[in-house]
Amino acid sequence: PPSALFTSTTRQQSSSRMSQLGAVKKAEGGDSSGTCHRIRITLTTSKSVANLEKVCADLIKGALDIKANNDNKELKVRGPVRMPTKVLRLTVRKSPCGEGTNTWDRWEMRVYKRVIDLYSPPETVKQITSIAIEPDVDVEVIIANK
């Protein structure tokens, strides 16, 4: 079929372009091992905001200590950015059978979220995130190129 022929030639062309770009980056000295990456640390909790704030403060303090001790000029810290609180609401009937007075229970759960961006080599992330994390705080680390 002609469409299969078209996609195969397109793949060949794109792979040759990618290899050319890789050769250009290597010639320029653009090796990815020593580059600075953007690391996004997302902290969430639904139970204790105090624990969340403590983990945020510990992460930032650890990053600034590493920056001061190692004279790491590439390390930059942005945050914590306080994201809007998500309020999950659930309204249910109190009566299991559906008869009687229409009485309702209203339940809600609040989800708190903080985002910290670090600009550093990936080796320093392990040192920064080696802190004790409080209970009920979820941590997500995403490493991306700058």
Protein backbone atom coordinates (compact mmCIF):
# COMPACT_ATOMS: atom_id res chain seq x y z
CA PRO A 1 0.00 0.00 0.00
CA PRO A 2 1.20 3.53 -0.72
CA SER A 3 0.65 4.75 2.87
CA ALA A 4 3.05 2.12 4.25
CA LEU A 5 5.66 3.22 1.72
CA PHE A 6 5.16 6.86 2.71
CA THR A 7 5.58 6.20 6.45
CA SER A 8 8.69 4.08 5.96
CA THR A 9 10.41 6.77 3.89
CA THR A 10 9.36 9.41 6.41
CA ARG A 11 10.84 7.34 9.25
CA GLN A 12 14.09 6.93 7.34
CA GLN A 13 14.28 10.65 6.68
CA SER A 14 13.54 11.56 10.29
CA SER A 15 16.08 9.06 11.64
CA SER A 16 18.76 10.45 9.34
CA ARG A 17 17.91 13.99 10.48
CA MET A 18 18.15 12.95 14.12
CA SER A 19 21.56 11.35 13.54
CA GLN A 20 22.73 14.53 11.83
CA LEU A 21 21.53 16.63 14.78
CA GLY A 22 23.30 14.30 17.19
CA ALA A 23 26.53 14.63 15.22
CA VAL A 24 26.23 18.43 15.28
CA LYS A 25 25.63 18.48 19.07
CA LYS A 26 28.61 16.21 19.71
CA ALA A 27 30.80 18.39 17.47
CA GLU A 28 29.72 21.48 19.42
CA GLY A 29 30.49 19.78 22.70
CA GLY A 30 26.86 19.56 23.78
CA ASP A 31 27.26 16.46 25.93
CA SER A 32 24.26 15.88 28.20
CA SER A 33 26.22 14.50 31.18
CA GLY A 34 27.36 17.87 32.55
CA THR A 35 24.31 19.93 31.65
CA CYS A 36 21.95 21.55 34.07
CA HIS A 37 18.51 19.92 34.31
CA ARG A 38 15.20 21.26 35.53
CA ILE A 39 14.00 19.11 38.40
CA ARG A 40 10.42 19.58 39.49
CA ILE A 41 9.54 18.25 42.94
CA THR A 42 5.80 18.04 43.60
CA LEU A 43 4.66 17.55 47.19
CA THR A 44 1.03 16.68 47.98
CA THR A 45 -0.95 15.83 51.08
CA SER A 46 -4.52 15.68 52.21
CA LYS A 47 -3.97 15.35 55.93
CA SER A 48 -1.45 17.77 57.42
CA VAL A 49 -0.39 21.09 55.92
CA ALA A 50 2.19 21.53 58.68
CA ASN A 51 3.99 18.34 57.59
CA LEU A 52 3.90 19.55 53.97
CA GLU A 53 5.42 22.92 54.88
CA LYS A 54 8.10 21.22 57.00
CA VAL A 55 9.18 18.98 54.08
CA CYS A 56 9.26 22.03 51.75
CA ALA A 57 11.42 23.95 54.20
CA ASP A 58 13.77 20.97 54.68
CA LEU A 59 14.19 20.51 50.90
CA ILE A 60 15.00 24.17 50.32
CA LYS A 61 17.33 24.31 53.31
CA GLY A 62 19.17 21.21 52.07
CA ALA A 63 19.52 22.67 48.57
CA LEU A 64 20.88 25.96 49.90
CA ASP A 65 23.32 24.10 52.19
CA ILE A 66 24.65 22.09 49.23
CA LYS A 67 24.97 25.29 47.22
CA ALA A 68 26.92 27.00 50.02
CA ASN A 69 29.19 24.05 50.84
CA ASN A 70 30.08 23.02 47.29
CA ASP A 71 30.17 26.49 45.74
CA ASN A 72 27.71 25.14 43.17
CA LYS A 73 26.82 28.15 41.05
CA GLU A 74 24.60 26.13 38.72
CA LEU A 75 22.12 25.24 41.48
CA LYS A 76 19.03 27.46 41.52
CA VAL A 77 15.92 26.99 43.65
CA ARG A 78 12.47 28.29 42.72
CA GLY A 79 9.60 27.81 45.10
CA PRO A 80 7.76 26.50 46.94
CA VAL A 81 4.85 27.51 44.75
CA ARG A 82 1.59 26.95 46.58
CA MET A 83 -0.91 25.50 44.14
CA PRO A 84 -4.65 26.06 44.71
CA THR A 85 -6.23 23.70 47.21
CA LYS A 86 -8.48 21.11 45.61
CA VAL A 87 -11.66 20.47 47.57
CA LEU A 88 -13.26 17.12 46.76
CA ARG A 89 -16.86 17.08 47.96
CA LEU A 90 -19.20 14.12 48.35
CA THR A 91 -22.84 14.50 49.39
CA VAL A 92 -24.71 11.31 50.37
CA ARG A 93 -28.06 10.44 51.90
CA LYS A 94 -28.02 9.47 55.57
CA SER A 95 -30.87 7.00 55.21
CA PRO A 96 -29.80 3.64 53.73
CA CYS A 97 -33.27 2.73 52.45
CA GLY A 98 -34.18 6.06 50.86
CA GLU A 99 -37.33 6.58 52.95
CA GLY A 100 -37.88 9.13 55.68
CA THR A 101 -36.68 12.67 55.89
CA ASN A 102 -34.30 13.82 53.20
CA THR A 103 -31.19 14.26 55.34
CA TRP A 104 -27.75 14.45 53.80
CA ASP A 105 -24.14 14.06 54.93
CA ARG A 106 -21.55 16.33 53.34
CA TRP A 107 -18.00 15.00 53.24
CA GLU A 108 -14.99 16.83 51.87
CA MET A 109 -11.31 16.17 51.44
CA ARG A 110 -8.81 18.94 50.82
CA VAL A 111 -5.69 18.24 48.73
CA TYR A 112 -2.74 20.60 49.29
CA LYS A 113 0.06 20.82 46.74
CA ARG A 114 3.47 22.54 46.60
CA VAL A 115 5.86 22.70 43.63
CA ILE A 116 9.61 23.29 43.91
CA ASP A 117 11.80 23.75 40.82
CA LEU A 118 15.52 23.06 41.02
CA TYR A 119 17.98 23.86 38.24
CA SER A 120 21.00 21.65 38.85
CA PRO A 121 22.95 18.64 37.62
CA PRO A 122 21.08 15.36 38.32
CA GLU A 123 23.83 14.17 40.71
CA THR A 124 22.94 16.80 43.30
CA VAL A 125 19.27 15.78 43.37
CA LYS A 126 20.11 12.61 45.29
CA GLN A 127 21.89 14.67 47.94
CA ILE A 128 19.01 17.14 48.21
CA THR A 129 16.24 14.53 48.42
CA SER A 130 17.99 12.43 51.07
CA ILE A 131 16.01 14.11 53.86
CA ALA A 132 13.49 12.44 56.14
CA ILE A 133 10.00 12.87 54.71
CA GLU A 134 7.11 13.39 57.08
CA PRO A 135 4.22 10.88 57.07
CA ASP A 136 1.25 11.53 54.73
CA VAL A 137 3.35 13.62 52.30
CA ASP A 138 3.65 12.28 48.75
CA VAL A 139 6.73 13.28 46.75
CA GLU A 140 7.02 13.20 42.96
CA VAL A 141 10.32 14.06 41.24
CA ILE A 142 10.45 14.84 37.52
CA ILE A 143 13.78 15.43 35.77
CA ALA A 144 13.68 17.25 32.43
CA ASN A 145 16.23 18.92 30.19
CA LYS A 146 16.38 22.69 30.38
